[in-house]
PDB file of N, CA and C in Angstrom:
ATOM      1  N   MET A   1      66.553  38.121  20.541  1.00  0.00           N
ATOM      2  CA  MET A   1      65.930  38.456  19.860  1.00  0.00           C
ATOM      3  C   MET A   1      65.971  37.463  18.065  1.00  0.00           C
ATOM      4  N   ARG A   2      67.592  37.716  18.446  1.00  0.00           N
ATOM      5  CA  ARG A   2      68.285  37.575  17.010  1.00  0.00           C
ATOM      6  C   ARG A   2      68.343  36.444  16.996  1.00  0.00           C
ATOM      7  N   ARG A   3      68.865  35.679  17.911  1.00  0.00           N
ATOM      8  CA  ARG A   3      68.735  33.552  18.261  1.00  0.00           C
ATOM      9  C   ARG A   3      67.287  33.367  18.011  1.00  0.00           C
ATOM     10  N   PHE A   4      66.440  33.906  18.279  1.00  0.00           N
ATOM     11  CA  PHE A   4      64.898  33.423  18.458  1.00  0.00           C
ATOM     12  C   PHE A   4      64.766  33.417  16.823  1.00  0.00           C
ATOM     13  N   ILE A   5      64.880  34.716  16.122  1.00  0.00           N
ATOM     14  CA  ILE A   5      64.172  34.523  14.392  1.00  0.00           C
ATOM     15  C   ILE A   5      65.497  33.578  13.598  1.00  0.00           C
ATOM     16  N   ALA A   6      66.199  33.344  14.366  1.00  0.00           N
ATOM     17  CA  ALA A   6      67.284  32.494  13.555  1.00  0.00           C
ATOM     18  C   ALA A   6      67.134  30.986  13.838  1.00  0.00           C
ATOM     19  N   SER A   7      66.593  30.738  15.074  1.00  0.00           N
ATOM     20  CA  SER A   7      65.899  29.277  15.325  1.00  0.00           C
ATOM     21  C   SER A   7      64.914  28.981  14.331  1.00  0.00           C
ATOM     22  N   ILE A   8      63.549  30.267  14.441  1.00  0.00           N
ATOM     23  CA  ILE A   8      62.673  29.975  13.702  1.00  0.00           C
ATOM     24  C   ILE A   8      62.644  29.828  12.142  1.00  0.00           C
ATOM     25  N   CYS A   9      63.833  30.274  11.448  1.00  0.00           N
ATOM     26  CA  CYS A   9      64.583  30.240  10.342  1.00  0.00           C
ATOM     27  C   CYS A   9      65.233  29.012  10.275  1.00  0.00           C
ATOM     28  N   PHE A  10      65.739  28.083  10.679  1.00  0.00           N
ATOM     29  CA  PHE A  10      65.996  27.088  11.133  1.00  0.00           C
ATOM     30  C   PHE A  10      65.135  25.875  10.977  1.00  0.00           C
ATOM     31  N   VAL A  11      64.129  25.892  11.723  1.00  0.00           N
ATOM     32  CA  VAL A  11      63.124  24.986  11.682  1.00  0.00           C
ATOM     33  C   VAL A  11      62.574  25.091  10.776  1.00  0.00           C
ATOM     34  N   MET A  12      61.972  26.089   9.903  1.00  0.00           N
ATOM     35  CA  MET A  12      61.325  26.318   8.857  1.00  0.00           C
ATOM     36  C   MET A  12      62.076  25.829   7.574  1.00  0.00           C
ATOM     37  N   ALA A  13      63.585  26.076   7.405  1.00  0.00           N
ATOM     38  CA  ALA A  13      64.346  25.672   6.474  1.00  0.00           C
ATOM     39  C   ALA A  13      64.183  23.722   6.539  1.00  0.00           C
ATOM     40  N   LEU A  14      64.456  23.068   7.967  1.00  0.00           N
ATOM     41  CA  LEU A  14      64.079  21.550   7.853  1.00  0.00           C
ATOM     42  C   LEU A  14      62.955  21.286   7.745  1.00  0.00           C
ATOM     43  N   THR A  15      61.670  21.626   7.468  1.00  0.00           N
ATOM     44  CA  THR A  15      60.256  21.672   7.335  1.00  0.00           C
ATOM     45  C   THR A  15      59.646  21.579   5.578  1.00  0.00           C
ATOM     46  N   VAL A  16      61.169  22.089   5.340  1.00  0.00           N
ATOM     47  CA  VAL A  16      60.665  22.549   3.577  1.00  0.00           C
ATOM     48  C   VAL A  16      60.756  21.137   2.816  1.00  0.00           C
ATOM     49  N   PRO A  17      59.744  20.695   2.220  1.00  0.00           N
ATOM     50  CA  PRO A  17      59.723  19.099   1.645  1.00  0.00           C
ATOM     51  C   PRO A  17      60.644  19.485   0.674  1.00  0.00           C
ATOM     52  N   THR A  18      61.302  18.406   0.328  1.00  0.00           N
ATOM     53  CA  THR A  18      62.571  18.405  -0.593  1.00  0.00           C
ATOM     54  C   THR A  18      61.938  16.832  -1.558  1.00  0.00           C
ATOM     55  N   ALA A  19      62.453  17.228  -2.604  1.00  0.00           N
ATOM     56  CA  ALA A  19      61.875  15.666  -3.624  1.00  0.00           C
ATOM     57  C   ALA A  19      62.957  14.812  -3.246  1.00  0.00           C
ATOM     58  N   ALA A  20      61.945  13.743  -2.993  1.00  0.00           N
ATOM     59  CA  ALA A  20      62.907  12.326  -2.591  1.00  0.00           C
ATOM     60  C   ALA A  20      63.146  11.253  -3.800  1.00  0.00           C
ATOM     61  N   PHE A  21      64.180  11.529  -3.909  1.00  0.00           N
ATOM     62  CA  PHE A  21      64.573  10.512  -5.345  1.00  0.00           C
ATOM     63  C   PHE A  21      64.395   8.768  -4.755  1.00  0.00           C
ATOM     64  N   ALA A  22      63.192   8.587  -4.677  1.00  0.00           N
ATOM     65  CA  ALA A  22      62.914   7.227  -4.335  1.00  0.00           C
ATOM     66  C   ALA A  22      61.720   7.082  -5.083  1.00  0.00           C
ATOM     67  N   TYR A  23      61.319   5.517  -5.239  1.00  0.00           N
ATOM     68  CA  TYR A  23      60.264   4.986  -6.109  1.00  0.00           C
ATOM     69  C   TYR A  23      60.002   3.816  -5.884  1.00  0.00           C
ATOM     70  N   VAL A  24      58.883   3.330  -5.378  1.00  0.00           N
ATOM     71  CA  VAL A  24      58.379   2.327  -4.502  1.00  0.00           C
ATOM     72  C   VAL A  24      57.310   1.689  -6.014  1.00  0.00           C
ATOM     73  N   GLY A  25      57.963   0.767  -6.457  1.00  0.00           N
ATOM     74  CA  GLY A  25      57.001   0.098  -7.792  1.00  0.00           C
ATOM     75  C   GLY A  25      55.570  -0.981  -7.258  1.00  0.00           C
ATOM     76  N   PRO A  26      54.895  -1.244  -8.290  1.00  0.00           N
ATOM     77  CA  PRO A  26      53.620  -1.954  -7.886  1.00  0.00           C
ATOM     78  C   PRO A  26      54.036  -3.045  -6.651  1.00  0.00           C
ATOM     79  N   GLY A  27      55.260  -3.811  -7.318  1.00  0.00           N
ATOM     80  CA  GLY A  27      55.381  -4.961  -6.728  1.00  0.00           C
ATOM     81  C   GLY A  27      55.794  -4.941  -5.129  1.00  0.00           C
ATOM     82  N   ALA A  28      56.753  -3.981  -4.842  1.00  0.00           N
ATOM     83  CA  ALA A  28      56.861  -3.929  -3.875  1.00  0.00           C
ATOM     84  C   ALA A  28      56.013  -3.397  -2.922  1.00  0.00           C
ATOM     85  N   GLY A  29      55.053  -2.413  -3.231  1.00  0.00           N
ATOM     86  CA  GLY A  29      53.762  -2.005  -2.785  1.00  0.00           C
ATOM     87  C   GLY A  29      52.908  -2.593  -2.577  1.00  0.00           C
ATOM     88  N   LEU A  30      52.676  -3.972  -3.723  1.00  0.00           N
ATOM     89  CA  LEU A  30      51.388  -5.255  -3.168  1.00  0.00           C
ATOM     90  C   LEU A  30      52.413  -6.371  -2.151  1.00  0.00           C
ATOM     91  N   GLY A  31      53.921  -6.112  -2.161  1.00  0.00           N
ATOM     92  CA  GLY A  31      54.206  -6.894  -1.387  1.00  0.00           C
ATOM     93  C   GLY A  31      53.878  -6.383   0.166  1.00  0.00           C
ATOM     94  N   LEU A  32      54.261  -5.014   0.265  1.00  0.00           N
ATOM     95  CA  LEU A  32      53.727  -4.331   1.704  1.00  0.00           C
ATOM     96  C   LEU A  32      52.617  -4.720   1.907  1.00  0.00           C
ATOM     97  N   LEU A  33      51.453  -4.242   1.166  1.00  0.00           N
ATOM     98  CA  LEU A  33      50.225  -4.867   1.414  1.00  0.00           C
ATOM     99  C   LEU A  33      50.221  -5.957   1.906  1.00  0.00           C
ATOM    100  N   GLY A  34      50.210  -7.028   1.141  1.00  0.00           N
ATOM    101  CA  GLY A  34      50.730  -8.582   1.745  1.00  0.00           C
ATOM    102  C   GLY A  34      50.894  -8.668   3.092  1.00  0.00           C
ATOM    103  N   ALA A  35      52.181  -8.383   3.205  1.00  0.00           N
ATOM    104  CA  ALA A  35      52.743  -8.428   4.435  1.00  0.00           C
ATOM    105  C   ALA A  35      51.719  -7.757   5.547  1.00  0.00           C
ATOM    106  N   LEU A  36      51.564  -6.512   5.505  1.00  0.00           N
ATOM    107  CA  LEU A  36      50.250  -5.830   6.350  1.00  0.00           C
ATOM    108  C   LEU A  36      49.316  -6.576   6.368  1.00  0.00           C
ATOM    109  N   TRP A  37      48.751  -7.447   5.260  1.00  0.00           N
ATOM    110  CA  TRP A  37      47.199  -7.872   5.704  1.00  0.00           C
ATOM    111  C   TRP A  37      47.654  -9.150   6.329  1.00  0.00           C
ATOM    112  N   ALA A  38      48.739  -9.956   6.331  1.00  0.00           N
ATOM    113  CA  ALA A  38      49.164 -11.465   6.886  1.00  0.00           C
ATOM    114  C   ALA A  38      49.188 -10.628   8.806  1.00  0.00           C
ATOM    115  N   LEU A  39      49.574  -9.609   8.698  1.00  0.00           N
ATOM    116  CA  LEU A  39      49.963  -8.879  10.153  1.00  0.00           C
ATOM    117  C   LEU A  39      48.586  -8.993  10.486  1.00  0.00           C
ATOM    118  N   VAL A  40      47.671  -8.328   9.858  1.00  0.00           N
ATOM    119  CA  VAL A  40      46.417  -8.210  10.648  1.00  0.00           C
ATOM    120  C   VAL A  40      45.397  -9.094  11.085  1.00  0.00           C
ATOM    121  N   ALA A  41      45.299 -10.431  10.039  1.00  0.00           N
ATOM    122  CA  ALA A  41      45.074 -11.194   9.876  1.00  0.00           C
ATOM    123  C   ALA A  41      45.653 -12.252  10.825  1.00  0.00           C
ATOM    124  N   ALA A  42      46.716 -12.256  11.373  1.00  0.00           N
ATOM    125  CA  ALA A  42      47.276 -12.894  12.296  1.00  0.00           C
ATOM    126  C   ALA A  42      47.182 -12.443  13.578  1.00  0.00           C
ATOM    127  N   LEU A  43      46.745 -11.100  14.138  1.00  0.00           N
ATOM    128  CA  LEU A  43      46.711 -10.273  15.101  1.00  0.00           C
ATOM    129  C   LEU A  43      44.852 -10.883  15.307  1.00  0.00           C
ATOM    130  N   ALA A  44      44.343 -10.760  14.228  1.00  0.00           N
ATOM    131  CA  ALA A  44      42.823 -11.036  14.475  1.00  0.00           C
ATOM    132  C   ALA A  44      42.279 -12.031  15.045  1.00  0.00           C
ATOM    133  N   THR A  45      43.191 -13.192  14.492  1.00  0.00           N
ATOM    134  CA  THR A  45      42.976 -14.514  14.794  1.00  0.00           C
ATOM    135  C   THR A  45      43.444 -14.783  15.998  1.00  0.00           C
ATOM    136  N   ALA A  46      44.746 -14.259  16.523  1.00  0.00           N
ATOM    137  CA  ALA A  46      45.001 -14.721  17.823  1.00  0.00           C
ATOM    138  C   ALA A  46      43.740 -14.076  19.091  1.00  0.00           C
ATOM    139  N   LEU A  47      43.418 -12.601  18.580  1.00  0.00           N
ATOM    140  CA  LEU A  47      42.531 -12.251  19.248  1.00  0.00           C
ATOM    141  C   LEU A  47      41.135 -13.083  19.612  1.00  0.00           C
ATOM    142  N   SER A  48      40.764 -13.415  18.467  1.00  0.00           N
ATOM    143  CA  SER A  48      39.451 -13.993  18.097  1.00  0.00           C
ATOM    144  C   SER A  48      39.851 -15.257  19.372  1.00  0.00           C
ATOM    145  N   PHE A  49      40.822 -16.044  19.097  1.00  0.00           N
ATOM    146  CA  PHE A  49      41.054 -17.504  20.190  1.00  0.00           C
ATOM    147  C   PHE A  49      41.227 -17.046  21.589  1.00  0.00           C
ATOM    148  N   ILE A  50      42.048 -16.110  21.725  1.00  0.00           N
ATOM    149  CA  ILE A  50      41.583 -15.412  23.380  1.00  0.00           C
ATOM    150  C   ILE A  50      40.341 -15.135  23.744  1.00  0.00           C
ATOM    151  N   ILE A  51      39.533 -14.602  22.957  1.00  0.00           N
ATOM    152  CA  ILE A  51      38.131 -14.342  23.326  1.00  0.00           C
ATOM    153  C   ILE A  51      37.422 -15.244  23.456  1.00  0.00           C
ATOM    154  N   ALA A  52      37.556 -16.243  22.705  1.00  0.00           N
ATOM    155  CA  ALA A  52      37.112 -17.408  22.600  1.00  0.00           C
ATOM    156  C   ALA A  52      37.257 -18.876  23.380  1.00  0.00           C
ATOM    157  N   TRP A  53      38.196 -18.581  24.210  1.00  0.00           N
ATOM    158  CA  TRP A  53      38.774 -19.301  24.818  1.00  0.00           C
ATOM    159  C   TRP A  53      37.768 -19.645  25.832  1.00  0.00           C
ATOM    160  N   PRO A  54      37.351 -18.523  26.698  1.00  0.00           N
ATOM    161  CA  PRO A  54      36.614 -19.000  28.552  1.00  0.00           C
ATOM    162  C   PRO A  54      35.067 -19.345  27.984  1.00  0.00           C
ATOM    163  N   PHE A  55      34.592 -19.145  26.475  1.00  0.00           N
ATOM    164  CA  PHE A  55      33.373 -19.895  26.038  1.00  0.00           C
ATOM    165  C   PHE A  55      33.915 -21.215  25.644  1.00  0.00           C
ATOM    166  N   ARG A  56      34.907 -21.565  24.843  1.00  0.00           N
ATOM    167  CA  ARG A  56      35.069 -23.455  24.525  1.00  0.00           C
ATOM    168  C   ARG A  56      35.619 -23.905  26.148  1.00  0.00           C
ATOM    169  N   LYS A  57      35.922 -23.440  26.921  1.00  0.00           N
ATOM    170  CA  LYS A  57      36.356 -24.171  28.129  1.00  0.00           C
ATOM    171  C   LYS A  57      34.904 -24.065  28.813  1.00  0.00           C
ATOM    172  N   ALA A  58      33.896 -23.259  29.095  1.00  0.00           N
ATOM    173  CA  ALA A  58      32.317 -23.365  29.347  1.00  0.00           C
ATOM    174  C   ALA A  58      31.898 -24.424  28.608  1.00  0.00           C
ATOM    175  N   LEU A  59      31.785 -24.810  27.439  1.00  0.00           N
ATOM    176  CA  LEU A  59      31.098 -25.592  26.827  1.00  0.00           C
ATOM    177  C   LEU A  59      31.646 -27.231  27.236  1.00  0.00           C
ATOM    178  N   ARG A  60      32.938 -27.107  27.210  1.00  0.00           N
ATOM    179  CA  ARG A  60      33.639 -28.467  27.440  1.00  0.00           C
ATOM    180  C   ARG A  60      33.273 -28.824  28.912  1.00  0.00           C
ATOM    181  N   ARG A  61      33.212 -27.859  29.891  1.00  0.00           N
ATOM    182  CA  ARG A  61      32.702 -28.109  31.413  1.00  0.00           C
ATOM    183  C   ARG A  61      31.679 -28.750  30.984  1.00  0.00           C
ATOM    184  N   ARG A  62      30.771 -27.853  30.425  1.00  0.00           N
ATOM    185  CA  ARG A  62      28.934 -28.446  30.010  1.00  0.00           C
ATOM    186  C   ARG A  62      29.017 -29.967  29.763  1.00  0.00           C
ATOM    187  N   ARG A  63      30.144 -30.270  28.540  1.00  0.00           N
ATOM    188  CA  ARG A  63      29.765 -31.488  28.401  1.00  0.00           C
ATOM    189  C   ARG A  63      30.198 -32.542  29.216  1.00  0.00           C
ATOM    190  N   THR A  64      31.252 -32.356  29.812  1.00  0.00           N
ATOM    191  CA  THR A  64      31.608 -32.992  31.028  1.00  0.00           C
ATOM    192  C   THR A  64      30.716 -33.592  31.930  1.00  0.00           C
ATOM    193  N   SER A  65      29.990 -32.041  32.098  1.00  0.00           N
ATOM    194  CA  SER A  65      28.947 -32.597  33.125  1.00  0.00           C
ATOM    195  C   SER A  65      27.941 -33.670  32.624  1.00  0.00           C
ATOM    196  N   ARG A  66      27.778 -33.666  31.432  1.00  0.00           N
ATOM    197  CA  ARG A  66      26.460 -34.512  31.052  1.00  0.00           C
ATOM    198  C   ARG A  66      27.187 -36.177  30.880  1.00  0.00           C
ATOM    199  N   GLY A  67      28.355 -35.913  31.193  1.00  0.00           N
ATOM    200  CA  GLY A  67      29.232 -37.564  31.395  1.00  0.00           C
ATOM    201  C   GLY A  67      29.686 -37.611  29.785  1.00  0.00           C
ATOM    202  N   ARG A  68      29.561 -37.113  29.030  1.00  0.00           N
ATOM    203  CA  ARG A  68      30.214 -37.196  27.719  1.00  0.00           C
ATOM    204  C   ARG A  68      32.156 -36.507  27.793  1.00  0.00           C
ATOM    205  N   ASP A  69      32.724 -37.325  27.503  1.00  0.00           N
ATOM    206  CA  ASP A  69      33.917 -36.754  27.250  1.00  0.00           C
ATOM    207  C   ASP A  69      34.316 -36.197  25.908  1.00  0.00           C
ATOM    208  N   PRO A  70      34.698 -34.824  26.087  1.00  0.00           N
ATOM    209  CA  PRO A  70      34.750 -33.807  24.864  1.00  0.00           C
ATOM    210  C   PRO A  70      35.783 -34.482  23.759  1.00  0.00           C
ATOM    211  N   THR A  71      37.160 -35.250  24.535  1.00  0.00           N
ATOM    212  CA  THR A  71      38.377 -35.504  23.633  1.00  0.00           C
ATOM    213  C   THR A  71      37.942 -36.944  23.005  1.00  0.00           C
ATOM    214  N   GLU A  72      36.756 -37.272  23.695  1.00  0.00           N
ATOM    215  CA  GLU A  72      36.436 -38.833  22.956  1.00  0.00           C
ATOM    216  C   GLU A  72      35.693 -38.977  21.555  1.00  0.00           C
ATOM    217  N   LYS A  73      36.362 -39.501  20.499  1.00  0.00           N
ATOM    218  CA  LYS A  73      35.721 -39.346  19.117  1.00  0.00           C
ATOM    219  C   LYS A  73      34.618 -40.401  19.113  1.00  0.00           C
ATOM    220  N   ARG A  74      33.949 -40.191  18.368  1.00  0.00           N
ATOM    221  CA  ARG A  74      32.363 -40.710  18.040  1.00  0.00           C
ATOM    222  C   ARG A  74      32.876 -42.216  17.376  1.00  0.00           C
ATOM    223  N   ALA A  75      33.237 -43.116  17.979  1.00  0.00           N
ATOM    224  CA  ALA A  75      33.337 -44.308  17.364  1.00  0.00           C
ATOM    225  C   ALA A  75      32.571 -45.426  17.243  1.00  0.00           C
ATOM    226  N   ASP A  76      32.586 -46.066  16.665  1.00  0.00           N
ATOM    227  CA  ASP A  76      31.301 -47.172  16.375  1.00  0.00           C
ATOM    228  C   ASP A  76      31.378 -47.374  17.597  1.00  0.00           C
ATOM    229  N   PRO A  77      29.740 -48.361  17.643  1.00  0.00           N
ATOM    230  CA  PRO A  77      29.520 -48.802  18.983  1.00  0.00           C
ATOM    231  C   PRO A  77      30.231 -50.679  19.455  1.00  0.00           C
ATOM    232  N   ALA A  78      30.759 -50.705  18.923  1.00  0.00           N
ATOM    233  CA  ALA A  78      31.462 -51.731  18.810  1.00  0.00           C
ATOM    234  C   ALA A  78      32.646 -51.883  19.766  1.00  0.00           C
ATOM    235  N   ARG A  79      33.712 -50.655  19.245  1.00  0.00           N
ATOM    236  CA  ARG A  79      34.608 -50.396  19.773  1.00  0.00           C
ATOM    237  C   ARG A  79      34.418 -50.077  21.262  1.00  0.00           C
ATOM    238  N   ARG A  80      33.112 -48.939  21.285  1.00  0.00           N
ATOM    239  CA  ARG A  80      32.691 -48.573  22.679  1.00  0.00           C
ATOM    240  C   ARG A  80      32.415 -49.645  23.369  1.00  0.00           C
ATOM    241  N   ALA A  81      31.966 -50.697  23.289  1.00  0.00           N
ATOM    242  CA  ALA A  81      31.898 -51.753  24.036  1.00  0.00           C
ATOM    243  C   ALA A  81      32.906 -52.595  24.458  1.00  0.00           C
ATOM    244  N   GLU A  82      33.963 -52.365  23.291  1.00  0.00           N
ATOM    245  CA  GLU A  82      35.353 -53.391  23.522  1.00  0.00           C
ATOM    246  C   GLU A  82      35.884 -52.600  24.901  1.00  0.00           C
ATOM    247  N   ARG A  83      35.942 -51.227  24.553  1.00  0.00           N
ATOM    248  CA  ARG A  83      36.897 -50.785  26.021  1.00  0.00           C
ATOM    249  C   ARG A  83      36.059 -50.861  26.865  1.00  0.00           C
ATOM    250  N   GLN A  84      34.914 -50.707  26.921  1.00  0.00           N
ATOM    251  CA  GLN A  84      33.915 -50.642  28.278  1.00  0.00           C
ATOM    252  C   GLN A  84      33.285 -51.664  29.169  1.00  0.00           C
ATOM    253  N   GLY A  85      33.906 -52.777  28.159  1.00  0.00           N
ATOM    254  CA  GLY A  85      33.605 -54.342  28.500  1.00  0.00           C
ATOM    255  C   GLY A  85      32.783 -54.474  27.828  1.00  0.00           C
ATOM    256  N   SER A  86      32.149 -55.525  26.943  1.00  0.00           N
ATOM    257  CA  SER A  86      30.906 -55.757  25.880  1.00  0.00           C
ATOM    258  C   SER A  86      30.338 -56.516  27.360  1.00  0.00           C
ATOM    259  N   SER A  87      29.142 -56.671  27.099  1.00  0.00           N
ATOM    260  CA  SER A  87      27.913 -57.499  27.861  1.00  0.00           C
ATOM    261  C   SER A  87      27.953 -58.631  27.430  1.00  0.00           C
ATOM    262  N   ASP A  88      28.362 -59.086  25.659  1.00  0.00           N
ATOM    263  CA  ASP A  88      28.383 -60.227  25.598  1.00  0.00           C
ATOM    264  C   ASP A  88      29.264 -61.246  25.802  1.00  0.00           C
ATOM    265  N   GLU A  89      30.358 -60.939  26.693  1.00  0.00           N
ATOM    266  CA  GLU A  89      31.561 -61.965  27.235  1.00  0.00           C
ATOM    267  C   GLU A  89      30.464 -62.645  28.051  1.00  0.00           C
ATOM    268  N   PRO A  90      31.088 -64.084  28.080  1.00  0.00           N
ATOM    269  CA  PRO A  90      30.657 -65.187  28.717  1.00  0.00           C
ATOM    270  C   PRO A  90      31.129 -64.441  30.365  1.00  0.00           C
ATOM    271  N   GLY A  91      30.257 -64.800  31.191  1.00  0.00           N
ATOM    272  CA  GLY A  91      29.993 -64.118  32.388  1.00  0.00           C
ATOM    273  C   GLY A  91      29.987 -62.973  33.100  1.00  0.00           C
ATOM    274  N   HIS A  92      29.092 -62.877  32.127  1.00  0.00           N
ATOM    275  CA  HIS A  92      28.369 -60.841  31.996  1.00  0.00           C
ATOM    276  C   HIS A  92      26.950 -61.552  32.344  1.00  0.00           C
TER     277      HIS A  92
END
């Protein structure tokens, strides 16, 4: 019994709050908040890209099934005709 009471007193002595000789100024606090905000923003961005990936892939498949290559830039008609072989060339 005596050991039990001693253990309880020891645990209570450890849990008594003491004064902390530390000061976090506004600069360090704002720096910490900025770092946490950047971490949250990075995680949210990564999560949104992971969630959006299947939808983007489905849209890309849908565009390619229509015959349009999604990686192709919208070039002027002269360049497109040049790549595909223009009907203006002799012999065509």
